[in-house]
Every structure is written in C-alpha cells, then in structure tokens.
C-alpha cells in the first residue's frame, strides 16, 4: 500500500506484491498516486508522471506528456493529460488498452 504524506513524499507500507514497490519509490513531492498489483504511479505538481514496480506487463511504459489524473487496475494504467486525452498502457488481456 502506498500513499502521499502531507509533505508530498510517497510512503509505502505492508508487504508488497512485487518487492520493487517498496524499494524503487521516487523521491520528490507528488500530488496524485495510484497503485495496481505490481506497479504504482505518481503525478507531481508539474503534471509529470512517474511509475515504479514491475515492468513485466508493460506497467512502466509511461507515455510522455503532462497529466492531470490517473487510475490503475490490476495490470494496467490510464492517465488523462492536460488536453483531456486518455492514455492507457500495461496489460491488454481483456481489451483495457482500447481507449474509447
């Protein structure tokens, strides 16, 4: 489990599904966070997106751009950029990269 502390730093606790979730935590101050089964992502105050964890399902294939929000599923992530476009990456086992 990961969250953002009041000072903007990421904190993770508990036993992660993938060990990199508790060792590869990015430093800095962040405003938004999301976690799936093996990957977590954060957005900082400039809208930059960073992800860490396991890349076996493409979870670290982060698109370029400036982002406002994100949502994570089991092995996939979607993030909305500042222009309102939706970007999705990770596993496509059930058609979830097919952006409407």
PDB file of N, CA and C in Angstrom:
ATOM      1  N   UNK A   1       0.852  -1.169   0.000  1.00  0.00           N
ATOM      2  CA  UNK A   1       0.000   0.000   0.000  1.00  0.00           C
ATOM      3  C   UNK A   1       0.895   1.228   0.000  1.00  0.00           C
ATOM      4  N   UNK A   2       0.567   2.199  -0.841  1.00  0.00           N
ATOM      5  CA  UNK A   2       1.335   3.443  -0.905  1.00  0.00           C
ATOM      6  C   UNK A   2       0.382   4.630  -0.838  1.00  0.00           C
ATOM      7  N   UNK A   3       0.888   5.737  -0.338  1.00  0.00           N
ATOM      8  CA  UNK A   3       0.114   6.972  -0.273  1.00  0.00           C
ATOM      9  C   UNK A   3       1.046   8.161  -0.287  1.00  0.00           C
ATOM     10  N   UNK A   4       0.472   9.349  -0.304  1.00  0.00           N
ATOM     11  CA  UNK A   4       1.245  10.583  -0.294  1.00  0.00           C
ATOM     12  C   UNK A   4       1.093  11.239   1.079  1.00  0.00           C
ATOM     13  N   UNK A   5       2.229  11.534   1.705  1.00  0.00           N
ATOM     14  CA  UNK A   5       2.228  12.187   3.008  1.00  0.00           C
ATOM     15  C   UNK A   5       1.911  13.671   2.840  1.00  0.00           C
ATOM     16  N   UNK A   6       1.648  14.371   3.931  1.00  0.00           N
ATOM     17  CA  UNK A   6       1.276  15.787   3.867  1.00  0.00           C
ATOM     18  C   UNK A   6       2.373  16.662   3.266  1.00  0.00           C
ATOM     19  N   UNK A   7       3.624  16.196   3.287  1.00  0.00           N
ATOM     20  CA  UNK A   7       4.722  16.959   2.691  1.00  0.00           C
ATOM     21  C   UNK A   7       4.932  16.616   1.214  1.00  0.00           C
ATOM     22  N   UNK A   8       4.075  15.752   0.647  1.00  0.00           N
ATOM     23  CA  UNK A   8       4.149  15.398  -0.765  1.00  0.00           C
ATOM     24  C   UNK A   8       5.006  14.188  -1.085  1.00  0.00           C
ATOM     25  N   UNK A   9       5.705  13.638  -0.092  1.00  0.00           N
ATOM     26  CA  UNK A   9       6.530  12.458  -0.320  1.00  0.00           C
ATOM     27  C   UNK A   9       5.675  11.195  -0.333  1.00  0.00           C
ATOM     28  N   UNK A  10       6.146  10.193  -1.066  1.00  0.00           N
ATOM     29  CA  UNK A  10       5.456   8.905  -1.136  1.00  0.00           C
ATOM     30  C   UNK A  10       5.902   8.030   0.023  1.00  0.00           C
ATOM     31  N   UNK A  11       4.966   7.357   0.644  1.00  0.00           N
ATOM     32  CA  UNK A  11       5.257   6.381   1.690  1.00  0.00           C
ATOM     33  C   UNK A  11       4.547   5.084   1.335  1.00  0.00           C
ATOM     34  N   UNK A  12       5.257   3.964   1.461  1.00  0.00           N
ATOM     35  CA  UNK A  12       4.666   2.640   1.219  1.00  0.00           C
ATOM     36  C   UNK A  12       4.855   1.788   2.465  1.00  0.00           C
ATOM     37  N   UNK A  13       3.896   0.928   2.744  1.00  0.00           N
ATOM     38  CA  UNK A  13       3.962   0.072   3.912  1.00  0.00           C
ATOM     39  C   UNK A  13       3.287  -1.253   3.612  1.00  0.00           C
ATOM     40  N   UNK A  14       3.495  -2.201   4.495  1.00  0.00           N
ATOM     41  CA  UNK A  14       2.936  -3.535   4.289  1.00  0.00           C
ATOM     42  C   UNK A  14       3.849  -4.372   3.400  1.00  0.00           C
ATOM     43  N   UNK A  15       3.414  -5.552   3.071  1.00  0.00           N
ATOM     44  CA  UNK A  15       4.172  -6.455   2.216  1.00  0.00           C
ATOM     45  C   UNK A  15       3.678  -6.296   0.790  1.00  0.00           C
ATOM     46  N   UNK A  16       4.513  -5.747  -0.105  1.00  0.00           N
ATOM     47  CA  UNK A  16       4.071  -5.527  -1.480  1.00  0.00           C
ATOM     48  C   UNK A  16       4.027  -6.821  -2.276  1.00  0.00           C
ATOM     49  N   UNK A  17       3.173  -6.851  -3.301  1.00  0.00           N
ATOM     50  CA  UNK A  17       3.104  -7.993  -4.198  1.00  0.00           C
ATOM     51  C   UNK A  17       4.410  -8.133  -4.961  1.00  0.00           C
ATOM     52  N   UNK A  18       5.022  -7.011  -5.333  1.00  0.00           N
ATOM     53  CA  UNK A  18       6.310  -7.008  -6.014  1.00  0.00           C
ATOM     54  C   UNK A  18       7.296  -6.219  -5.162  1.00  0.00           C
ATOM     55  N   UNK A  19       8.513  -6.746  -4.891  1.00  0.00           N
ATOM     56  CA  UNK A  19       9.447  -6.065  -3.982  1.00  0.00           C
ATOM     57  C   UNK A  19       9.870  -4.674  -4.427  1.00  0.00           C
ATOM     58  N   UNK A  20       9.875  -4.387  -5.727  1.00  0.00           N
ATOM     59  CA  UNK A  20      10.284  -3.060  -6.193  1.00  0.00           C
ATOM     60  C   UNK A  20       9.323  -1.960  -5.757  1.00  0.00           C
ATOM     61  N   UNK A  21       8.103  -2.321  -5.362  1.00  0.00           N
ATOM     62  CA  UNK A  21       7.152  -1.292  -4.929  1.00  0.00           C
ATOM     63  C   UNK A  21       7.600  -0.597  -3.648  1.00  0.00           C
ATOM     64  N   UNK A  22       8.401  -1.265  -2.844  1.00  0.00           N
ATOM     65  CA  UNK A  22       8.864  -0.618  -1.623  1.00  0.00           C
ATOM     66  C   UNK A  22      10.328  -0.195  -1.699  1.00  0.00           C
ATOM     67  N   UNK A  23      11.036  -0.529  -2.784  1.00  0.00           N
ATOM     68  CA  UNK A  23      12.446  -0.149  -2.885  1.00  0.00           C
ATOM     69  C   UNK A  23      12.712   0.905  -3.948  1.00  0.00           C
ATOM     70  N   UNK A  24      11.889   1.007  -4.970  1.00  0.00           N
ATOM     71  CA  UNK A  24      12.127   1.941  -6.075  1.00  0.00           C
ATOM     72  C   UNK A  24      11.256   3.192  -5.996  1.00  0.00           C
ATOM     73  N   UNK A  25      10.841   3.573  -4.820  1.00  0.00           N
ATOM     74  CA  UNK A  25       9.954   4.720  -4.634  1.00  0.00           C
ATOM     75  C   UNK A  25      10.660   5.993  -5.097  1.00  0.00           C
ATOM     76  N   UNK A  26      10.023   6.777  -5.982  1.00  0.00           N
ATOM     77  CA  UNK A  26      10.673   8.014  -6.439  1.00  0.00           C
ATOM     78  C   UNK A  26      10.720   9.053  -5.332  1.00  0.00           C
ATOM     79  N   UNK A  27      11.765   9.864  -5.387  1.00  0.00           N
ATOM     80  CA  UNK A  27      11.848  10.954  -4.412  1.00  0.00           C
ATOM     81  C   UNK A  27      11.230  12.201  -5.041  1.00  0.00           C
ATOM     82  N   UNK A  28      10.805  13.102  -4.200  1.00  0.00           N
ATOM     83  CA  UNK A  28      10.189  14.331  -4.670  1.00  0.00           C
ATOM     84  C   UNK A  28       8.864  14.555  -3.982  1.00  0.00           C
ATOM     85  N   UNK A  29       8.130  15.534  -4.481  1.00  0.00           N
ATOM     86  CA  UNK A  29       6.822  15.864  -3.927  1.00  0.00           C
ATOM     87  C   UNK A  29       5.776  15.618  -4.999  1.00  0.00           C
ATOM     88  N   UNK A  30       4.746  14.899  -4.634  1.00  0.00           N
ATOM     89  CA  UNK A  30       3.727  14.472  -5.585  1.00  0.00           C
ATOM     90  C   UNK A  30       2.341  14.856  -5.098  1.00  0.00           C
ATOM     91  N   UNK A  31       1.412  14.934  -6.062  1.00  0.00           N
ATOM     92  CA  UNK A  31       0.047  15.340  -5.736  1.00  0.00           C
ATOM     93  C   UNK A  31      -0.963  14.211  -5.888  1.00  0.00           C
ATOM     94  N   UNK A  32      -0.676  13.254  -6.778  1.00  0.00           N
ATOM     95  CA  UNK A  32      -1.613  12.162  -7.032  1.00  0.00           C
ATOM     96  C   UNK A  32      -0.861  10.851  -7.094  1.00  0.00           C
ATOM     97  N   UNK A  33      -1.536   9.767  -6.678  1.00  0.00           N
ATOM     98  CA  UNK A  33      -0.925   8.446  -6.691  1.00  0.00           C
ATOM     99  C   UNK A  33      -1.969   7.400  -7.045  1.00  0.00           C
ATOM    100  N   UNK A  34      -1.514   6.348  -7.675  1.00  0.00           N
ATOM    101  CA  UNK A  34      -2.354   5.192  -7.965  1.00  0.00           C
ATOM    102  C   UNK A  34      -1.487   3.955  -7.937  1.00  0.00           C
ATOM    103  N   UNK A  35      -2.042   2.840  -7.498  1.00  0.00           N
ATOM    104  CA  UNK A  35      -1.295   1.578  -7.455  1.00  0.00           C
ATOM    105  C   UNK A  35      -2.136   0.446  -7.995  1.00  0.00           C
ATOM    106  N   UNK A  36      -1.487  -0.415  -8.766  1.00  0.00           N
ATOM    107  CA  UNK A  36      -2.088  -1.654  -9.239  1.00  0.00           C
ATOM    108  C   UNK A  36      -1.473  -2.800  -8.463  1.00  0.00           C
ATOM    109  N   UNK A  37      -1.492  -3.987  -9.025  1.00  0.00           N
ATOM    110  CA  UNK A  37      -0.968  -5.152  -8.318  1.00  0.00           C
ATOM    111  C   UNK A  37       0.559  -5.147  -8.246  1.00  0.00           C
ATOM    112  N   UNK A  38       1.247  -4.667  -9.287  1.00  0.00           N
ATOM    113  CA  UNK A  38       2.709  -4.689  -9.309  1.00  0.00           C
ATOM    114  C   UNK A  38       3.346  -3.350  -9.643  1.00  0.00           C
ATOM    115  N   UNK A  39       2.554  -2.306  -9.828  1.00  0.00           N
ATOM    116  CA  UNK A  39       3.072  -1.013 -10.254  1.00  0.00           C
ATOM    117  C   UNK A  39       2.344   0.117  -9.533  1.00  0.00           C
ATOM    118  N   UNK A  40       3.077   1.185  -9.220  1.00  0.00           N
ATOM    119  CA  UNK A  40       2.482   2.413  -8.703  1.00  0.00           C
ATOM    120  C   UNK A  40       2.936   3.565  -9.586  1.00  0.00           C
ATOM    121  N   UNK A  41       2.103   4.598  -9.691  1.00  0.00           N
ATOM    122  CA  UNK A  41       2.431   5.797 -10.461  1.00  0.00           C
ATOM    123  C   UNK A  41       2.049   7.028  -9.651  1.00  0.00           C
ATOM    124  N   UNK A  42       2.794   8.103  -9.869  1.00  0.00           N
ATOM    125  CA  UNK A  42       2.514   9.383  -9.210  1.00  0.00           C
ATOM    126  C   UNK A  42       2.566  10.506 -10.238  1.00  0.00           C
ATOM    127  N   UNK A  43       1.869  11.587  -9.919  1.00  0.00           N
ATOM    128  CA  UNK A  43       1.910  12.806 -10.719  1.00  0.00           C
ATOM    129  C   UNK A  43       2.378  13.928  -9.802  1.00  0.00           C
ATOM    130  N   UNK A  44       3.391  14.693 -10.265  1.00  0.00           N
ATOM    131  CA  UNK A  44       3.883  15.799  -9.452  1.00  0.00           C
ATOM    132  C   UNK A  44       3.143  17.098  -9.796  1.00  0.00           C
ATOM    133  N   UNK A  45       3.546  18.203  -9.171  1.00  0.00           N
ATOM    134  CA  UNK A  45       2.842  19.479  -9.354  1.00  0.00           C
ATOM    135  C   UNK A  45       2.977  20.038 -10.767  1.00  0.00           C
ATOM    136  N   UNK A  46       3.952  19.556 -11.533  1.00  0.00           N
ATOM    137  CA  UNK A  46       4.128  19.988 -12.920  1.00  0.00           C
ATOM    138  C   UNK A  46       3.378  19.093 -13.903  1.00  0.00           C
ATOM    139  N   UNK A  47       2.733  18.058 -13.379  1.00  0.00           N
ATOM    140  CA  UNK A  47       1.999  17.135 -14.230  1.00  0.00           C
ATOM    141  C   UNK A  47       2.841  16.015 -14.795  1.00  0.00           C
ATOM    142  N   UNK A  48       4.069  15.874 -14.308  1.00  0.00           N
ATOM    143  CA  UNK A  48       4.930  14.799 -14.783  1.00  0.00           C
ATOM    144  C   UNK A  48       4.560  13.493 -14.094  1.00  0.00           C
ATOM    145  N   UNK A  49       4.556  12.435 -14.879  1.00  0.00           N
ATOM    146  CA  UNK A  49       4.137  11.111 -14.430  1.00  0.00           C
ATOM    147  C   UNK A  49       5.359  10.230 -14.227  1.00  0.00           C
ATOM    148  N   UNK A  50       5.426   9.540 -13.090  1.00  0.00           N
ATOM    149  CA  UNK A  50       6.500   8.592 -12.795  1.00  0.00           C
ATOM    150  C   UNK A  50       5.871   7.305 -12.294  1.00  0.00           C
ATOM    151  N   UNK A  51       6.404   6.173 -12.736  1.00  0.00           N
ATOM    152  CA  UNK A  51       5.907   4.873 -12.288  1.00  0.00           C
ATOM    153  C   UNK A  51       7.067   4.012 -11.814  1.00  0.00           C
ATOM    154  N   UNK A  52       6.778   3.090 -10.897  1.00  0.00           N
ATOM    155  CA  UNK A  52       7.793   2.159 -10.429  1.00  0.00           C
ATOM    156  C   UNK A  52       7.121   0.834 -10.096  1.00  0.00           C
ATOM    157  N   UNK A  53       7.943  -0.186  -9.945  1.00  0.00           N
ATOM    158  CA  UNK A  53       7.447  -1.528  -9.679  1.00  0.00           C
ATOM    159  C   UNK A  53       7.963  -2.502 -10.713  1.00  0.00           C
ATOM    160  N   UNK A  54       7.083  -3.337 -11.249  1.00  0.00           N
ATOM    161  CA  UNK A  54       7.453  -4.379 -12.198  1.00  0.00           C
ATOM    162  C   UNK A  54       6.998  -3.993 -13.599  1.00  0.00           C
ATOM    163  N   UNK A  55       7.844  -4.230 -14.584  1.00  0.00           N
ATOM    164  CA  UNK A  55       7.501  -3.902 -15.968  1.00  0.00           C
ATOM    165  C   UNK A  55       7.111  -5.129 -16.778  1.00  0.00           C
ATOM    166  N   UNK A  56       6.893  -6.270 -16.145  1.00  0.00           N
ATOM    167  CA  UNK A  56       6.574  -7.499 -16.880  1.00  0.00           C
ATOM    168  C   UNK A  56       5.330  -7.340 -17.750  1.00  0.00           C
ATOM    169  N   UNK A  57       4.377  -6.549 -17.341  1.00  0.00           N
ATOM    170  CA  UNK A  57       3.154  -6.332 -18.104  1.00  0.00           C
ATOM    171  C   UNK A  57       3.122  -4.951 -18.752  1.00  0.00           C
ATOM    172  N   UNK A  58       4.282  -4.319 -18.890  1.00  0.00           N
ATOM    173  CA  UNK A  58       4.354  -3.001 -19.534  1.00  0.00           C
ATOM    174  C   UNK A  58       3.939  -1.850 -18.658  1.00  0.00           C
ATOM    175  N   UNK A  59       3.868  -2.059 -17.360  1.00  0.00           N
ATOM    176  CA  UNK A  59       3.405  -1.024 -16.447  1.00  0.00           C
ATOM    177  C   UNK A  59       4.303   0.181 -16.321  1.00  0.00           C
ATOM    178  N   UNK A  60       5.566   0.050 -16.766  1.00  0.00           N
ATOM    179  CA  UNK A  60       6.495   1.172 -16.676  1.00  0.00           C
ATOM    180  C   UNK A  60       6.680   1.876 -18.011  1.00  0.00           C
ATOM    181  N   UNK A  61       5.904   1.489 -19.008  1.00  0.00           N
ATOM    182  CA  UNK A  61       5.969   2.131 -20.327  1.00  0.00           C
ATOM    183  C   UNK A  61       5.152   3.421 -20.314  1.00  0.00           C
ATOM    184  N   UNK A  62       5.614   4.390 -19.558  1.00  0.00           N
ATOM    185  CA  UNK A  62       4.891   5.628 -19.302  1.00  0.00           C
ATOM    186  C   UNK A  62       4.895   6.519 -20.548  1.00  0.00           C
ATOM    187  N   UNK A  63       3.723   7.011 -20.950  1.00  0.00           N
ATOM    188  CA  UNK A  63       3.677   7.926 -22.094  1.00  0.00           C
ATOM    189  C   UNK A  63       4.244   9.289 -21.707  1.00  0.00           C
ATOM    190  N   UNK A  64       4.711  10.024 -22.703  1.00  0.00           N
ATOM    191  CA  UNK A  64       5.207  11.370 -22.424  1.00  0.00           C
ATOM    192  C   UNK A  64       4.029  12.337 -22.401  1.00  0.00           C
ATOM    193  N   UNK A  65       4.213  13.440 -21.741  1.00  0.00           N
ATOM    194  CA  UNK A  65       3.166  14.444 -21.678  1.00  0.00           C
ATOM    195  C   UNK A  65       3.003  14.995 -20.283  1.00  0.00           C
ATOM    196  N   UNK A  66       1.996  15.829 -20.119  1.00  0.00           N
ATOM    197  CA  UNK A  66       1.654  16.435 -18.842  1.00  0.00           C
ATOM    198  C   UNK A  66       0.272  15.933 -18.456  1.00  0.00           C
ATOM    199  N   UNK A  67       0.125  15.425 -17.239  1.00  0.00           N
ATOM    200  CA  UNK A  67      -1.082  14.720 -16.844  1.00  0.00           C
ATOM    201  C   UNK A  67      -1.780  15.360 -15.656  1.00  0.00           C
ATOM    202  N   UNK A  68      -3.109  15.150 -15.621  1.00  0.00           N
ATOM    203  CA  UNK A  68      -3.942  15.688 -14.542  1.00  0.00           C
ATOM    204  C   UNK A  68      -4.432  14.625 -13.577  1.00  0.00           C
ATOM    205  N   UNK A  69      -4.687  13.414 -14.094  1.00  0.00           N
ATOM    206  CA  UNK A  69      -5.241  12.365 -13.245  1.00  0.00           C
ATOM    207  C   UNK A  69      -4.797  11.004 -13.744  1.00  0.00           C
ATOM    208  N   UNK A  70      -4.960   9.998 -12.885  1.00  0.00           N
ATOM    209  CA  UNK A  70      -4.620   8.625 -13.262  1.00  0.00           C
ATOM    210  C   UNK A  70      -5.497   7.648 -12.518  1.00  0.00           C
ATOM    211  N   UNK A  71      -5.621   6.475 -13.101  1.00  0.00           N
ATOM    212  CA  UNK A  71      -6.371   5.394 -12.485  1.00  0.00           C
ATOM    213  C   UNK A  71      -5.677   4.096 -12.856  1.00  0.00           C
ATOM    214  N   UNK A  72      -5.590   3.200 -11.888  1.00  0.00           N
ATOM    215  CA  UNK A  72      -4.875   1.951 -12.126  1.00  0.00           C
ATOM    216  C   UNK A  72      -5.759   0.759 -11.839  1.00  0.00           C
ATOM    217  N   UNK A  73      -5.584  -0.259 -12.674  1.00  0.00           N
ATOM    218  CA  UNK A  73      -6.262  -1.528 -12.483  1.00  0.00           C
ATOM    219  C   UNK A  73      -5.254  -2.581 -12.087  1.00  0.00           C
ATOM    220  N   UNK A  74      -5.616  -3.816 -12.273  1.00  0.00           N
ATOM    221  CA  UNK A  74      -4.783  -4.936 -11.859  1.00  0.00           C
ATOM    222  C   UNK A  74      -3.396  -4.882 -12.501  1.00  0.00           C
ATOM    223  N   UNK A  75      -3.323  -4.828 -13.833  1.00  0.00           N
ATOM    224  CA  UNK A  75      -2.051  -4.764 -14.551  1.00  0.00           C
ATOM    225  C   UNK A  75      -2.056  -3.668 -15.614  1.00  0.00           C
ATOM    226  N   UNK A  76      -2.858  -2.649 -15.463  1.00  0.00           N
ATOM    227  CA  UNK A  76      -2.914  -1.585 -16.462  1.00  0.00           C
ATOM    228  C   UNK A  76      -3.155  -0.228 -15.787  1.00  0.00           C
ATOM    229  N   UNK A  77      -2.797   0.828 -16.528  1.00  0.00           N
ATOM    230  CA  UNK A  77      -2.930   2.189 -16.028  1.00  0.00           C
ATOM    231  C   UNK A  77      -3.507   3.072 -17.121  1.00  0.00           C
ATOM    232  N   UNK A  78      -4.329   4.020 -16.735  1.00  0.00           N
ATOM    233  CA  UNK A  78      -4.812   5.057 -17.649  1.00  0.00           C
ATOM    234  C   UNK A  78      -4.584   6.407 -16.974  1.00  0.00           C
ATOM    235  N   UNK A  79      -4.177   7.379 -17.771  1.00  0.00           N
ATOM    236  CA  UNK A  79      -3.964   8.736 -17.254  1.00  0.00           C
ATOM    237  C   UNK A  79      -4.523   9.735 -18.253  1.00  0.00           C
ATOM    238  N   UNK A  80      -5.146  10.779 -17.728  1.00  0.00           N
ATOM    239  CA  UNK A  80      -5.693  11.842 -18.571  1.00  0.00           C
ATOM    240  C   UNK A  80      -4.690  12.983 -18.621  1.00  0.00           C
ATOM    241  N   UNK A  81      -4.354  13.416 -19.855  1.00  0.00           N
ATOM    242  CA  UNK A  81      -3.413  14.519 -19.984  1.00  0.00           C
ATOM    243  C   UNK A  81      -4.142  15.860 -19.870  1.00  0.00           C
ATOM    244  N   UNK A  82      -3.379  16.944 -19.871  1.00  0.00           N
ATOM    245  CA  UNK A  82      -3.960  18.283 -19.674  1.00  0.00           C
ATOM    246  C   UNK A  82      -4.872  18.709 -20.820  1.00  0.00           C
ATOM    247  N   UNK A  83      -4.791  18.031 -21.970  1.00  0.00           N
ATOM    248  CA  UNK A  83      -5.678  18.318 -23.101  1.00  0.00           C
ATOM    249  C   UNK A  83      -6.941  17.461 -23.069  1.00  0.00           C
ATOM    250  N   UNK A  84      -7.076  16.633 -22.029  1.00  0.00           N
ATOM    251  CA  UNK A  84      -8.252  15.789 -21.890  1.00  0.00           C
ATOM    252  C   UNK A  84      -8.156  14.448 -22.584  1.00  0.00           C
ATOM    253  N   UNK A  85      -7.004  14.143 -23.191  1.00  0.00           N
ATOM    254  CA  UNK A  85      -6.841  12.856 -23.878  1.00  0.00           C
ATOM    255  C   UNK A  85      -6.484  11.766 -22.876  1.00  0.00           C
ATOM    256  N   UNK A  86      -7.010  10.586 -23.109  1.00  0.00           N
ATOM    257  CA  UNK A  86      -6.763   9.444 -22.237  1.00  0.00           C
ATOM    258  C   UNK A  86      -5.674   8.568 -22.838  1.00  0.00           C
ATOM    259  N   UNK A  87      -4.683   8.223 -22.026  1.00  0.00           N
ATOM    260  CA  UNK A  87      -3.580   7.346 -22.421  1.00  0.00           C
ATOM    261  C   UNK A  87      -3.620   6.125 -21.516  1.00  0.00           C
ATOM    262  N   UNK A  88      -3.549   4.939 -22.102  1.00  0.00           N
ATOM    263  CA  UNK A  88      -3.565   3.710 -21.315  1.00  0.00           C
ATOM    264  C   UNK A  88      -2.397   2.824 -21.713  1.00  0.00           C
ATOM    265  N   UNK A  89      -1.849   2.097 -20.764  1.00  0.00           N
ATOM    266  CA  UNK A  89      -0.741   1.195 -21.022  1.00  0.00           C
ATOM    267  C   UNK A  89      -0.750   0.069 -19.998  1.00  0.00           C
ATOM    268  N   UNK A  90       0.044  -0.948 -20.297  1.00  0.00           N
ATOM    269  CA  UNK A  90       0.118  -2.128 -19.445  1.00  0.00           C
ATOM    270  C   UNK A  90      -0.529  -3.307 -20.146  1.00  0.00           C
ATOM    271  N   UNK A  91      -1.043  -4.228 -19.370  1.00  0.00           N
ATOM    272  CA  UNK A  91      -1.651  -5.440 -19.911  1.00  0.00           C
ATOM    273  C   UNK A  91      -2.910  -5.115 -20.712  1.00  0.00           C
ATOM    274  N   UNK A  92      -3.098  -5.868 -21.777  1.00  0.00           N
ATOM    275  CA  UNK A  92      -4.308  -5.739 -22.595  1.00  0.00           C
ATOM    276  C   UNK A  92      -5.021  -7.086 -22.677  1.00  0.00           C
ATOM    277  N   UNK A  93      -4.990  -7.820 -21.599  1.00  0.00           N
ATOM    278  CA  UNK A  93      -5.576  -9.162 -21.561  1.00  0.00           C
ATOM    279  C   UNK A  93      -7.069  -9.174 -21.837  1.00  0.00           C
ATOM    280  N   UNK A  94      -7.752  -8.096 -21.473  1.00  0.00           N
ATOM    281  CA  UNK A  94      -9.203  -8.049 -21.598  1.00  0.00           C
ATOM    282  C   UNK A  94      -9.686  -6.819 -22.370  1.00  0.00           C
ATOM    283  N   UNK A  95      -8.817  -6.270 -23.248  1.00  0.00           N
ATOM    284  CA  UNK A  95      -9.215  -5.134 -24.070  1.00  0.00           C
ATOM    285  C   UNK A  95      -9.140  -3.788 -23.386  1.00  0.00           C
ATOM    286  N   UNK A  96      -8.502  -3.694 -22.202  1.00  0.00           N
ATOM    287  CA  UNK A  96      -8.474  -2.435 -21.473  1.00  0.00           C
ATOM    288  C   UNK A  96      -7.480  -1.429 -22.093  1.00  0.00           C
ATOM    289  N   UNK A  97      -6.665  -1.681 -23.067  1.00  0.00           N
ATOM    290  CA  UNK A  97      -5.841  -0.578 -23.631  1.00  0.00           C
ATOM    291  C   UNK A  97      -6.561   0.153 -24.727  1.00  0.00           C
ATOM    292  N   UNK A  98      -7.716  -0.525 -25.170  1.00  0.00           N
ATOM    293  CA  UNK A  98      -8.573   0.029 -26.228  1.00  0.00           C
ATOM    294  C   UNK A  98      -9.269   1.265 -25.665  1.00  0.00           C
ATOM    295  N   UNK A  99      -8.685   2.401 -25.863  1.00  0.00           N
ATOM    296  CA  UNK A  99      -9.230   3.655 -25.304  1.00  0.00           C
ATOM    297  C   UNK A  99     -10.453   4.086 -26.101  1.00  0.00           C
ATOM    298  N   UNK A 100     -11.585   4.364 -25.427  1.00  0.00           N
ATOM    299  CA  UNK A 100     -12.789   4.810 -26.156  1.00  0.00           C
ATOM    300  C   UNK A 100     -12.626   6.221 -26.717  1.00  0.00           C
TER     301      UNK A 100
END
